[in-house]
Every structure is written in C-alpha cells, then in structure tokens.
Amino acid sequence: MGVTAELCDKIVATTYDSLTPEAIGAARRLVLDGIAIAIAGTEEEAIQILAAHYESFGARGDSTVIGFPFRTAPTLAAALNGASMHVLDFEPMWTPSNHALSTTLPAILALAEIRDIDGKDLIAALVKGIELQGWIRHAGRVYEQGGVKFHPPGLVGPMGSAVAAGHVLGLNAEQMAHALGIASSRCGTMHANIGTMTKSTHCGHAAMHGLESALLATKGFTANPEPFEAFNGYARQMFGDTFEARDLLNYGAPFRIVQPGYAMKMFPSQFGTHFAITAGLNLHSQISDPSAIRSVMLNTPVMQYVNRPNPDTGLAGKFSLQYTFASGLLRGGVKIDTFTDEMVALPDMQALLGKITMNMSPDIPARFDKMWIEATVTMNDGGVLHSRCDGPPGIWGSPPIGEDDHLGKIRDCLSRRLPLDRAERVIALARRAETLSVAEVRALLKESVP
C-alpha cells in the first residue's frame, strides 16, 4: 500500500470519537475565533470588492456569506468567507508557519446548509483538515520563513480543505485519494502578493479549491490518486527532494491542533511583527516624549518581506516590522484601527519611522518558534533603552491566552458589525460548538449576518 492510500485510510477512519478532549477544546476555540475575525474582516475594502464581485454572479443561494445579506454557491461562499477570515491577518498561527483555520473552516461552513452538519461533524472536520496541513508542512522539512516556494496557505490549504469537506461529504478512502489528487493541482500562491489585497484570497481560494475537489470526487471525478508518491506529483513539485512522505502517516492523536498547537493572535498583523510589537509595548511606558528619541536599531531575523521601512498604506503596515514596533511604542496598543492609511500618515509616526534602522541577522533563526527581536533606543540626551521579545503572548511553550483576554478580542471583532445581543448569541453558540444540533450550526451562520 502506498503512502497516500494508507494516509487516506487513516483520514477516513478518524471520526469525532477518535478525538481527544484537548483536540475538541482547541477546535471549539478556533470556531469562535474564525467566525469573529471573519465578521470584522468584512469591513475591509478588499472584502467589499470581493463581495460585490461574487454577488454579481447571481449564483444559486445555498450558502451564507458571513457579514453580508446575500447568499451564494458553496464554493463561492468558501472563497469569500475564507478571504474575510484572513484579511486582517488575525487568525491563529501554526508551526511550521501556515494559516490552517481560514483555509479549512470556511469550506465546512459552506456545506452546512446543503448537508446536515452537527457540532460533532464541524469539530471533526476542522481537526482533520488542520491535521493534514500540519503534517504536510512538517514533511516538507522547510521551517525558516521564505524557504518554501509558495505562501503556505496556498501550498497546503487546498489539501486540508479537501479533507475537511471530504469528512462532511462522507468520502471513502479511494474518493479521498482522488480529492487530494484534484486539490494538488489547485495549489500555489505568490509570496510577492503579501501585503496586498490579493493575499486574503490565498486562504479563500484554498478553501474553495479543496471544497470543489471533494465535491468532484463524490461525482466520480478522478485524478492521480498518489499525489505524495507520483513522479513530478505534488510532493516533488512543491517541496523537492526534502519531502519525507512517510511523516504523513503520523496523522492522528494527539493531533497537531494540540501538539504543537497554535499561537492565538492578539494583534491583527503578520505573526513576526508580534515580536516587534511586544518589544515596542515594553518601551511605551519608559518613553514619555517620543520626540526625544534620536535613533532606533532593530535586530531581527532575515525576513525581507516584513522589512518595510516606509509603508504607504495601513495594509502594508501589517507587514512592516518598523511600523508595528513604532505603533507599540507610540500608542501602547495595537488594534484593528492601527492599520489604516490615516494612522500610517500621522506626523509622530512618520517622524519615528525615519529614525529606525533594521539589522537583519542570519544568526537569529527566521522561524516563529525560535526567533527573537531586540530593540535599542538611543535618546537625544545619550540615554539608551533596550527591549527584547523572545515570543509574544500565547506563543508555543508559553501559557495560552486566557479566556477573558480572548473574549476581549472576540467582542471587539464582533462589535464592529453586530449589535451586542447578536454578538453574545454568536459567542454562546460557538463556545459549545461540539454540542450544536444541525439547526444550531445553521443558526450560528444566520447570526453572523448583520
């Protein structure tokens, strides 16, 4: 038996009853986080443009579009909801780096109104889709930022989405192998689009392509059923000779949603910038007059795509170590509204950005679970202040984000589009996700539409 066939047997045999209590609890929290940040994300210009684009298709209205009053076809709903869930760059981070939530949950939710999905189905499908993405990234043996050919959610997201949707659709092992084969031809996204509107579609399209692959497999559509073994197949084309296919057979308990788990994001920006933000926040109370700063030196890993000394938009600011550090230092907090064009253009921000120099050191590991960022601030009077961040709140190996802090994030996101009573109903439903009936899963989606 080949690796793909053996893997698909494991995938199909994994049910809700296979899950550990820890995996169920972790997935429950992700459901709430994903829906909340998707609702907040619908305020963004990129999502407004995408929504108008998809609504213009006039597709059959089977599935809810989070945050909008129209419904559309399941694949289009997955694409738009996935983009909304990613556009703020606020969903949890994984190791090796990936956006495994916004590529998976939208595919499941898109099926919830054409299939009878209860809370157990929702949780099991989410855990299974995330599990495969994690093992593919691990098997690729590329951990440092910039080492993979493609932006990770487009690289592995369609495969995880196919598994999640395949669980809901009841694919057998042979059909699952074909779904993965189909999805393997839908993978690939450009790093050059990080910091643009297009980045949000990397996750949305991953959710859509995996869902469509699973739907096609139910109809007998075929592909090479050995994407992980085939000469010039998925593994070889995407990862080269570093890929260790048999790592995929580790699929299963305790599940990667638990070990190594995820880092819950508390700032809406690229995860490496959270180190810079934390370093800046540590200095905020020590500097009463930022105009008295002479210079700032940031020592960082080699991460060219977040070396943006003069971001010209709020969106670009999400991917600027300089801007995010300066925001933490100047404002004492980093929120969704930190990343607007107006905030970037403020005089005190522009003045501080002009004083920041960045040294990208090859001696600092360029991976989220091992990196650090150090700031040295020299004042006009000759005084020197230091701040170093070895990991932002909630990073792997540190205490998880507390329930009250997480709910603060959730309520902030939901309040941007929903009245208080609706927001609290979303929270109440999602916090018992695994117990939801079919009707309650659909009610959760209904509550997400203002």
Protein backbone atom coordinates (compact mmCIF):
# COMPACT_ATOMS: atom_id res chain seq x y z
CA MET A 1 0.00 0.00 0.00
CA GLY A 2 1.34 3.43 -0.96
CA VAL A 3 1.63 6.36 1.43
CA THR A 4 -1.40 8.19 0.03
CA ALA A 5 -3.63 5.12 0.27
CA GLU A 6 -2.50 4.38 3.80
CA LEU A 7 -2.94 8.03 4.76
CA CYS A 8 -6.47 8.12 3.31
CA ASP A 9 -7.39 5.03 5.32
CA LYS A 10 -6.28 6.91 8.45
CA ILE A 11 -8.17 10.04 7.45
CA VAL A 12 -11.43 8.21 6.78
CA ALA A 13 -11.13 6.16 9.97
CA THR A 14 -10.77 9.34 12.06
CA THR A 15 -14.14 10.33 13.49
CA TYR A 16 -15.35 12.60 16.27
CA ASP A 17 -14.99 9.66 18.66
CA SER A 18 -11.28 9.49 17.72
CA LEU A 19 -10.65 12.99 19.04
CA THR A 20 -9.10 13.71 22.41
CA PRO A 21 -10.84 16.13 24.78
CA GLU A 22 -7.91 18.51 24.27
CA ALA A 23 -8.40 18.47 20.48
CA ILE A 24 -12.12 19.15 20.86
CA GLY A 25 -11.46 22.08 23.19
CA ALA A 26 -8.83 23.56 20.89
CA ALA A 27 -11.14 23.28 17.87
CA ARG A 28 -14.05 24.82 19.77
CA ARG A 29 -11.97 27.92 20.44
CA LEU A 30 -10.96 28.12 16.78
CA VAL A 31 -14.58 28.09 15.60
CA LEU A 32 -15.32 31.18 17.69
CA ASP A 33 -12.10 32.93 16.71
CA GLY A 34 -12.59 32.25 13.00
CA ILE A 35 -16.17 33.49 12.82
CA ALA A 36 -15.40 36.62 14.86
CA ILE A 37 -12.42 37.71 12.79
CA ALA A 38 -14.30 36.97 9.56
CA ILE A 39 -17.11 39.29 10.67
CA ALA A 40 -14.60 42.04 11.49
CA GLY A 41 -12.80 41.39 8.21
CA THR A 42 -15.87 42.22 6.15
CA GLU A 43 -15.25 45.92 6.87
CA GLU A 44 -12.06 45.82 4.79
CA GLU A 45 -12.04 47.34 1.30
CA ALA A 46 -10.66 44.14 -0.22
CA ILE A 47 -13.61 42.13 1.09
CA GLN A 48 -16.13 44.74 -0.02
CA ILE A 49 -14.73 44.48 -3.55
CA LEU A 50 -14.75 40.68 -3.47
CA ALA A 51 -18.30 40.59 -2.11
CA ALA A 52 -19.62 42.81 -4.90
CA HIS A 53 -17.74 40.65 -7.41
CA TYR A 54 -19.19 37.37 -6.15
CA GLU A 55 -22.70 38.77 -5.66
CA SER A 56 -22.71 39.88 -9.30
CA PHE A 57 -22.52 36.23 -10.39
CA GLY A 58 -26.10 35.67 -9.26
CA ALA A 59 -25.20 32.15 -8.16
CA ARG A 60 -27.72 29.84 -6.53
CA GLY A 61 -28.03 30.95 -2.93
CA ASP A 62 -27.29 27.77 -0.99
CA SER A 63 -24.76 29.12 1.47
CA THR A 64 -24.45 32.02 3.90
CA VAL A 65 -21.90 34.73 3.23
CA ILE A 66 -20.59 35.90 6.61
CA GLY A 67 -21.24 39.59 7.16
CA PHE A 68 -23.30 40.18 4.00
CA PRO A 69 -27.03 39.97 3.19
CA PHE A 70 -26.70 37.78 0.09
CA ARG A 71 -26.20 34.04 -0.27
CA THR A 72 -24.27 32.22 -2.94
CA ALA A 73 -22.99 28.85 -4.14
CA PRO A 74 -20.97 26.82 -1.59
CA THR A 75 -17.65 27.19 -3.41
CA LEU A 76 -18.04 30.95 -3.74
CA ALA A 77 -19.12 31.26 -0.10
CA ALA A 78 -15.99 29.34 0.93
CA ALA A 79 -13.82 31.67 -1.16
CA LEU A 80 -15.32 34.86 0.23
CA ASN A 81 -15.59 33.69 3.85
CA GLY A 82 -12.01 32.42 3.74
CA ALA A 83 -10.78 35.77 2.47
CA SER A 84 -12.77 37.57 5.20
CA MET A 85 -11.27 35.26 7.82
CA HIS A 86 -7.73 36.06 6.67
CA VAL A 87 -7.81 39.68 5.50
CA LEU A 88 -6.97 41.14 8.92
CA ASP A 89 -4.15 38.61 9.43
CA PHE A 90 -5.73 38.00 12.83
CA GLU A 91 -6.30 34.23 12.82
CA PRO A 92 -4.05 31.88 14.84
CA MET A 93 -0.56 30.99 13.64
CA TRP A 94 0.80 27.45 13.28
CA THR A 95 4.21 25.86 13.24
CA PRO A 96 5.60 25.26 10.68
CA SER A 97 4.03 28.55 9.61
CA ASN A 98 0.61 28.38 7.96
CA HIS A 99 -2.92 29.75 8.08
CA ALA A 100 -4.74 26.49 8.71
CA LEU A 101 -8.02 27.91 10.03
CA SER A 102 -9.11 30.26 7.24
CA THR A 103 -8.36 27.57 4.66
CA THR A 104 -10.46 24.91 6.40
CA LEU A 105 -13.37 26.27 8.46
CA PRO A 106 -14.95 28.20 5.53
CA ALA A 107 -15.23 25.00 3.47
CA ILE A 108 -17.06 23.26 6.31
CA LEU A 109 -19.42 26.18 6.92
CA ALA A 110 -20.19 26.43 3.20
CA LEU A 111 -21.57 22.88 3.32
CA ALA A 112 -23.61 23.41 6.49
CA GLU A 113 -26.75 24.48 4.65
CA ILE A 114 -26.71 21.77 1.99
CA ARG A 115 -25.65 18.92 4.27
CA ASP A 116 -26.80 18.02 7.77
CA ILE A 117 -23.75 19.02 9.79
CA ASP A 118 -23.96 18.98 13.56
CA GLY A 119 -21.37 20.21 16.01
CA LYS A 120 -19.52 16.91 16.11
CA ASP A 121 -19.16 16.92 12.31
CA LEU A 122 -17.97 20.53 12.43
CA ILE A 123 -15.29 19.84 15.03
CA ALA A 124 -14.09 16.56 13.50
CA ALA A 125 -13.81 18.04 10.01
CA LEU A 126 -11.88 21.03 11.33
CA VAL A 127 -9.40 18.91 13.29
CA LYS A 128 -8.85 16.59 10.32
CA GLY A 129 -8.22 19.35 7.80
CA ILE A 130 -5.80 21.13 10.10
CA GLU A 131 -4.04 17.84 10.90
CA LEU A 132 -3.15 17.13 7.29
CA GLN A 133 -1.88 20.65 6.65
CA GLY A 134 0.41 20.44 9.65
CA TRP A 135 1.92 17.11 8.65
CA ILE A 136 2.45 18.21 5.05
CA ARG A 137 4.33 21.29 6.27
CA HIS A 138 6.34 19.12 8.66
CA ALA A 139 7.12 16.54 5.96
CA GLY A 140 8.40 19.32 3.70
CA ARG A 141 11.26 19.94 6.16
CA VAL A 142 11.30 23.70 5.47
CA TYR A 143 10.86 25.73 8.64
CA GLU A 144 12.52 29.10 8.01
CA GLN A 145 10.48 31.97 6.60
CA GLY A 146 10.97 32.35 2.88
CA GLY A 147 12.21 28.79 2.47
CA VAL A 148 9.04 27.44 0.85
CA LYS A 149 8.28 28.20 -2.79
CA PHE A 150 4.74 29.39 -2.15
CA HIS A 151 2.82 31.22 0.55
CA PRO A 152 1.89 28.30 2.85
CA PRO A 153 -1.94 28.51 2.87
CA GLY A 154 -1.97 28.22 -0.90
CA LEU A 155 0.60 25.45 -0.71
CA VAL A 156 -1.21 23.15 1.75
CA GLY A 157 -4.61 24.76 2.33
CA PRO A 158 -6.43 23.11 -0.60
CA MET A 159 -5.31 19.71 0.70
CA GLY A 160 -6.63 20.39 4.20
CA SER A 161 -9.85 21.86 2.85
CA ALA A 162 -10.39 18.75 0.71
CA VAL A 163 -10.02 16.54 3.77
CA ALA A 164 -12.37 18.67 5.87
CA ALA A 165 -15.01 18.80 3.15
CA GLY A 166 -14.45 15.13 2.41
CA HIS A 167 -15.30 14.28 6.00
CA VAL A 168 -18.59 16.15 5.77
CA LEU A 169 -19.38 14.57 2.40
CA GLY A 170 -18.57 11.07 3.63
CA LEU A 171 -15.82 10.27 1.12
CA ASN A 172 -14.39 6.77 1.29
CA ALA A 173 -10.61 6.24 1.18
CA GLU A 174 -10.49 5.87 -2.62
CA GLN A 175 -12.53 9.03 -3.14
CA MET A 176 -10.39 10.88 -0.61
CA ALA A 177 -7.24 9.96 -2.55
CA HIS A 178 -8.78 11.39 -5.72
CA ALA A 179 -9.92 14.52 -3.86
CA LEU A 180 -6.33 15.07 -2.72
CA GLY A 181 -5.11 14.42 -6.24
CA ILE A 182 -7.51 17.01 -7.61
CA ALA A 183 -6.63 19.50 -4.89
CA SER A 184 -2.92 19.03 -5.54
CA SER A 185 -3.39 20.67 -8.93
CA ARG A 186 -5.01 23.69 -7.27
CA CYS A 187 -2.05 24.58 -5.02
CA GLY A 188 0.37 27.50 -5.21
CA THR A 189 0.34 31.20 -4.23
CA MET A 190 2.86 34.00 -4.68
CA HIS A 191 4.85 35.47 -1.80
CA ALA A 192 5.05 38.71 -3.82
CA ASN A 193 1.40 39.39 -3.04
CA ILE A 194 1.96 39.51 0.72
CA GLY A 195 0.94 43.00 1.81
CA THR A 196 -1.67 43.37 -0.93
CA MET A 197 -5.40 42.70 -1.20
CA THR A 198 -4.65 39.50 -3.08
CA LYS A 199 -3.09 37.85 -0.02
CA SER A 200 -6.54 37.40 1.54
CA THR A 201 -7.61 35.35 -1.47
CA HIS A 202 -4.81 32.85 -0.87
CA CYS A 203 -6.85 31.44 2.01
CA GLY A 204 -10.23 31.91 0.38
CA HIS A 205 -9.20 30.15 -2.79
CA ALA A 206 -7.61 27.33 -0.80
CA ALA A 207 -10.91 26.74 0.99
CA MET A 208 -12.80 26.93 -2.29
CA HIS A 209 -10.46 24.64 -4.25
CA GLY A 210 -10.41 21.97 -1.57
CA LEU A 211 -14.20 22.04 -1.28
CA GLU A 212 -14.63 21.76 -5.03
CA SER A 213 -12.13 18.89 -5.15
CA ALA A 214 -14.12 16.94 -2.56
CA LEU A 215 -17.40 17.68 -4.32
CA LEU A 216 -15.97 16.48 -7.63
CA ALA A 217 -14.68 13.30 -6.00
CA THR A 218 -18.22 12.45 -4.86
CA LYS A 219 -19.30 12.53 -8.51
CA GLY A 220 -16.58 10.14 -9.68
CA PHE A 221 -14.16 12.78 -10.97
CA THR A 222 -10.63 11.37 -10.86
CA ALA A 223 -7.03 12.46 -10.53
CA ASN A 224 -3.73 10.73 -9.90
CA PRO A 225 -4.60 9.08 -6.55
CA GLU A 226 -0.96 9.13 -5.39
CA PRO A 227 -0.05 12.83 -5.15
CA PHE A 228 2.54 12.15 -2.45
CA GLU A 229 4.35 9.41 -4.38
CA ALA A 230 3.88 10.29 -8.04
CA PHE A 231 6.93 11.28 -10.06
CA ASN A 232 6.51 15.02 -10.61
CA GLY A 233 3.48 14.89 -8.34
CA TYR A 234 2.53 17.27 -5.54
CA ALA A 235 5.28 16.43 -3.06
CA ARG A 236 8.12 16.60 -5.56
CA GLN A 237 6.87 19.68 -7.39
CA MET A 238 6.06 21.70 -4.30
CA PHE A 239 8.83 20.63 -1.91
CA GLY A 240 11.51 18.92 -3.98
CA ASP A 241 13.66 16.14 -2.55
CA THR A 242 13.30 17.28 1.07
CA PHE A 243 9.79 15.84 1.41
CA GLU A 244 9.50 12.85 3.75
CA ALA A 245 6.18 11.34 2.72
CA ARG A 246 6.04 8.76 5.50
CA ASP A 247 5.82 11.56 8.06
CA LEU A 248 2.22 11.91 6.88
CA LEU A 249 1.42 8.57 8.48
CA ASN A 250 1.80 10.22 11.89
CA TYR A 251 -1.68 11.61 11.18
CA GLY A 252 -3.87 11.18 14.27
CA ALA A 253 -3.94 11.57 18.04
CA PRO A 254 -2.85 13.63 19.90
CA PHE A 255 -3.42 15.81 16.79
CA ARG A 256 -1.43 18.85 15.73
CA ILE A 257 -4.23 21.15 16.83
CA VAL A 258 -2.98 20.24 20.34
CA GLN A 259 0.69 19.43 19.83
CA PRO A 260 2.42 21.69 18.86
CA GLY A 261 -0.90 23.56 18.80
CA TYR A 262 -1.47 27.12 17.65
CA ALA A 263 -0.45 30.58 18.77
CA MET A 264 -3.57 32.69 19.32
CA LYS A 265 -3.02 36.08 17.71
CA MET A 266 -3.78 39.13 19.81
CA PHE A 267 -2.61 41.65 17.21
CA PRO A 268 -4.04 41.85 13.65
CA SER A 269 -0.81 41.59 11.66
CA GLN A 270 1.79 39.17 10.32
CA PHE A 271 2.98 37.00 13.18
CA GLY A 272 6.66 38.00 13.03
CA THR A 273 5.59 41.59 13.66
CA HIS A 274 4.13 40.49 17.00
CA PHE A 275 7.70 40.25 18.28
CA ALA A 276 8.32 43.84 17.19
CA ILE A 277 5.00 45.00 18.66
CA THR A 278 5.80 43.39 22.03
CA ALA A 279 9.26 44.97 22.07
CA GLY A 280 7.65 48.35 21.37
CA LEU A 281 4.95 47.89 24.00
CA ASN A 282 7.64 47.13 26.59
CA LEU A 283 9.16 50.57 25.91
CA HIS A 284 5.94 52.57 25.79
CA SER A 285 5.79 53.44 29.49
CA GLN A 286 9.52 54.20 29.62
CA ILE A 287 9.44 56.96 26.99
CA SER A 288 7.27 59.93 27.91
CA ASP A 289 8.39 62.06 24.97
CA PRO A 290 8.92 60.08 21.73
CA SER A 291 10.22 63.21 20.02
CA ALA A 292 13.29 62.89 22.29
CA ILE A 293 14.29 59.65 20.53
CA ARG A 294 17.46 60.07 18.46
CA SER A 295 17.58 56.64 16.83
CA VAL A 296 16.28 53.07 17.00
CA MET A 297 18.07 49.89 15.99
CA LEU A 298 16.02 46.73 15.47
CA ASN A 299 17.87 43.42 15.36
CA THR A 300 15.69 40.88 13.57
CA PRO A 301 15.89 37.63 11.63
CA VAL A 302 16.35 37.79 7.86
CA MET A 303 12.74 38.35 6.79
CA GLN A 304 12.79 40.54 3.71
CA TYR A 305 9.02 40.58 3.21
CA VAL A 306 8.47 42.36 6.55
CA ASN A 307 11.32 44.82 6.04
CA ARG A 308 9.16 47.80 5.05
CA PRO A 309 10.70 50.99 6.43
CA ASN A 310 8.12 53.30 4.84
CA PRO A 311 4.76 51.55 4.44
CA ASP A 312 2.40 53.76 2.45
CA THR A 313 -0.87 52.10 3.49
CA GLY A 314 -2.35 50.52 6.60
CA LEU A 315 -2.38 47.18 4.81
CA ALA A 316 1.35 47.39 4.11
CA GLY A 317 1.84 48.35 7.76
CA LYS A 318 0.66 44.88 8.80
CA PHE A 319 3.83 43.53 7.18
CA SER A 320 6.30 46.13 8.44
CA LEU A 321 8.47 45.37 11.44
CA GLN A 322 9.30 49.06 11.61
CA TYR A 323 5.69 50.28 11.64
CA THR A 324 4.43 47.68 14.08
CA PHE A 325 7.30 48.36 16.50
CA ALA A 326 6.64 52.09 16.27
CA SER A 327 2.91 51.54 16.85
CA GLY A 328 3.57 49.59 20.03
CA LEU A 329 5.99 52.20 21.32
CA LEU A 330 3.91 55.26 20.41
CA ARG A 331 0.36 54.04 21.05
CA GLY A 332 0.77 51.48 23.83
CA GLY A 333 -1.57 49.12 22.00
CA VAL A 334 -2.13 47.63 18.55
CA LYS A 335 -5.68 47.12 17.33
CA ILE A 336 -7.57 46.73 14.06
CA ASP A 337 -7.68 50.51 13.63
CA THR A 338 -3.89 50.73 13.95
CA PHE A 339 -3.71 49.62 10.33
CA THR A 340 -5.41 52.45 8.49
CA ASP A 341 -3.85 54.79 5.97
CA GLU A 342 -4.57 57.69 8.33
CA MET A 343 -2.65 56.11 11.22
CA VAL A 344 0.35 55.44 8.98
CA ALA A 345 0.43 59.08 7.87
CA LEU A 346 0.35 60.67 11.36
CA PRO A 347 3.31 63.05 11.87
CA ASP A 348 4.66 61.37 15.01
CA MET A 349 4.61 58.02 13.25
CA GLN A 350 6.42 59.34 10.20
CA ALA A 351 8.99 61.03 12.42
CA LEU A 352 9.74 57.83 14.34
CA LEU A 353 9.85 55.66 11.22
CA GLY A 354 12.58 57.93 9.88
CA LYS A 355 14.74 57.15 12.92
CA ILE A 356 14.53 53.33 12.71
CA THR A 357 17.34 51.24 11.25
CA MET A 358 16.94 47.49 10.92
CA ASN A 359 19.71 44.90 11.07
CA MET A 360 18.55 41.52 9.73
CA SER A 361 20.92 38.99 11.26
CA PRO A 362 21.42 35.46 9.88
CA ASP A 363 22.31 34.45 13.43
CA ILE A 364 18.66 34.82 14.51
CA PRO A 365 16.51 31.87 13.35
CA ALA A 366 13.93 33.02 10.80
CA ARG A 367 11.18 30.81 12.20
CA PHE A 368 8.40 31.85 14.53
CA ASP A 369 9.04 29.24 17.21
CA LYS A 370 12.74 30.14 17.64
CA MET A 371 13.20 33.79 16.62
CA TRP A 372 13.56 36.94 18.68
CA ILE A 373 13.66 40.69 18.04
CA GLU A 374 15.73 43.18 20.00
CA ALA A 375 15.31 46.96 20.04
CA THR A 376 17.89 49.54 21.13
CA VAL A 377 16.57 53.09 21.53
CA THR A 378 19.04 55.96 21.88
CA MET A 379 17.65 59.20 23.30
CA ASN A 380 18.82 62.71 22.49
CA ASP A 381 20.37 63.02 25.95
CA GLY A 382 22.51 59.94 25.32
CA GLY A 383 20.39 57.53 27.36
CA VAL A 384 19.91 54.06 25.93
CA LEU A 385 16.93 51.74 26.40
CA HIS A 386 16.73 48.07 25.44
CA SER A 387 13.83 45.74 24.81
CA ARG A 388 13.90 42.17 23.61
CA CYS A 389 10.99 39.89 22.72
CA ASP A 390 11.61 36.15 22.62
CA GLY A 391 7.94 35.45 21.98
CA PRO A 392 4.67 37.40 22.05
CA PRO A 393 1.80 36.42 24.36
CA GLY A 394 0.44 32.96 23.68
CA ILE A 395 3.39 31.67 21.64
CA TRP A 396 4.16 27.95 21.72
CA GLY A 397 5.66 26.91 25.03
CA SER A 398 4.17 29.82 26.97
CA PRO A 399 0.87 29.97 28.85
CA PRO A 400 -2.08 30.09 26.44
CA ILE A 401 -4.08 33.27 26.03
CA GLY A 402 -6.57 33.44 28.89
CA GLU A 403 -10.30 33.14 28.29
CA ASP A 404 -11.04 36.74 29.34
CA ASP A 405 -8.35 38.15 27.04
CA HIS A 406 -9.55 36.02 24.15
CA LEU A 407 -13.15 37.06 24.68
CA GLY A 408 -11.98 40.67 24.66
CA LYS A 409 -10.60 40.11 21.17
CA ILE A 410 -13.76 38.30 20.10
CA ARG A 411 -16.13 41.00 21.37
CA ASP A 412 -14.04 43.73 19.75
CA CYS A 413 -14.25 41.94 16.40
CA LEU A 414 -17.97 41.16 16.62
CA SER A 415 -18.93 44.65 17.79
CA ARG A 416 -17.69 46.14 14.55
CA ARG A 417 -20.65 44.69 12.66
CA LEU A 418 -23.09 43.12 15.11
CA PRO A 419 -25.25 44.60 17.89
CA LEU A 420 -24.44 43.38 21.38
CA ASP A 421 -27.25 40.83 21.63
CA ARG A 422 -26.34 39.23 18.30
CA ALA A 423 -22.65 39.14 19.24
CA GLU A 424 -23.42 37.40 22.51
CA ARG A 425 -25.57 34.80 20.72
CA VAL A 426 -22.66 34.05 18.37
CA ILE A 427 -20.36 33.63 21.37
CA ALA A 428 -22.82 31.42 23.25
CA LEU A 429 -23.32 29.09 20.28
CA ALA A 430 -19.67 28.85 19.28
CA ARG A 431 -18.48 28.19 22.85
CA ARG A 432 -20.39 24.90 22.82
CA ALA A 433 -19.64 24.10 19.19
CA GLU A 434 -19.34 20.33 19.60
CA THR A 435 -22.84 20.08 21.14
CA LEU A 436 -24.66 22.03 18.42
CA SER A 437 -27.51 20.41 16.54
CA VAL A 438 -27.79 20.71 12.75
CA ALA A 439 -30.26 23.56 13.24
CA GLU A 440 -27.95 25.33 15.71
CA VAL A 441 -24.98 25.17 13.31
CA ARG A 442 -27.17 26.91 10.75
CA ALA A 443 -28.34 29.37 13.41
CA LEU A 444 -24.69 30.25 14.13
CA LEU A 445 -24.27 31.17 10.48
CA LYS A 446 -27.52 33.14 10.45
CA GLU A 447 -26.37 35.19 13.45
CA SER A 448 -23.18 36.15 11.55
CA VAL A 449 -25.14 38.25 9.04
CA PRO A 450 -25.82 41.82 10.27
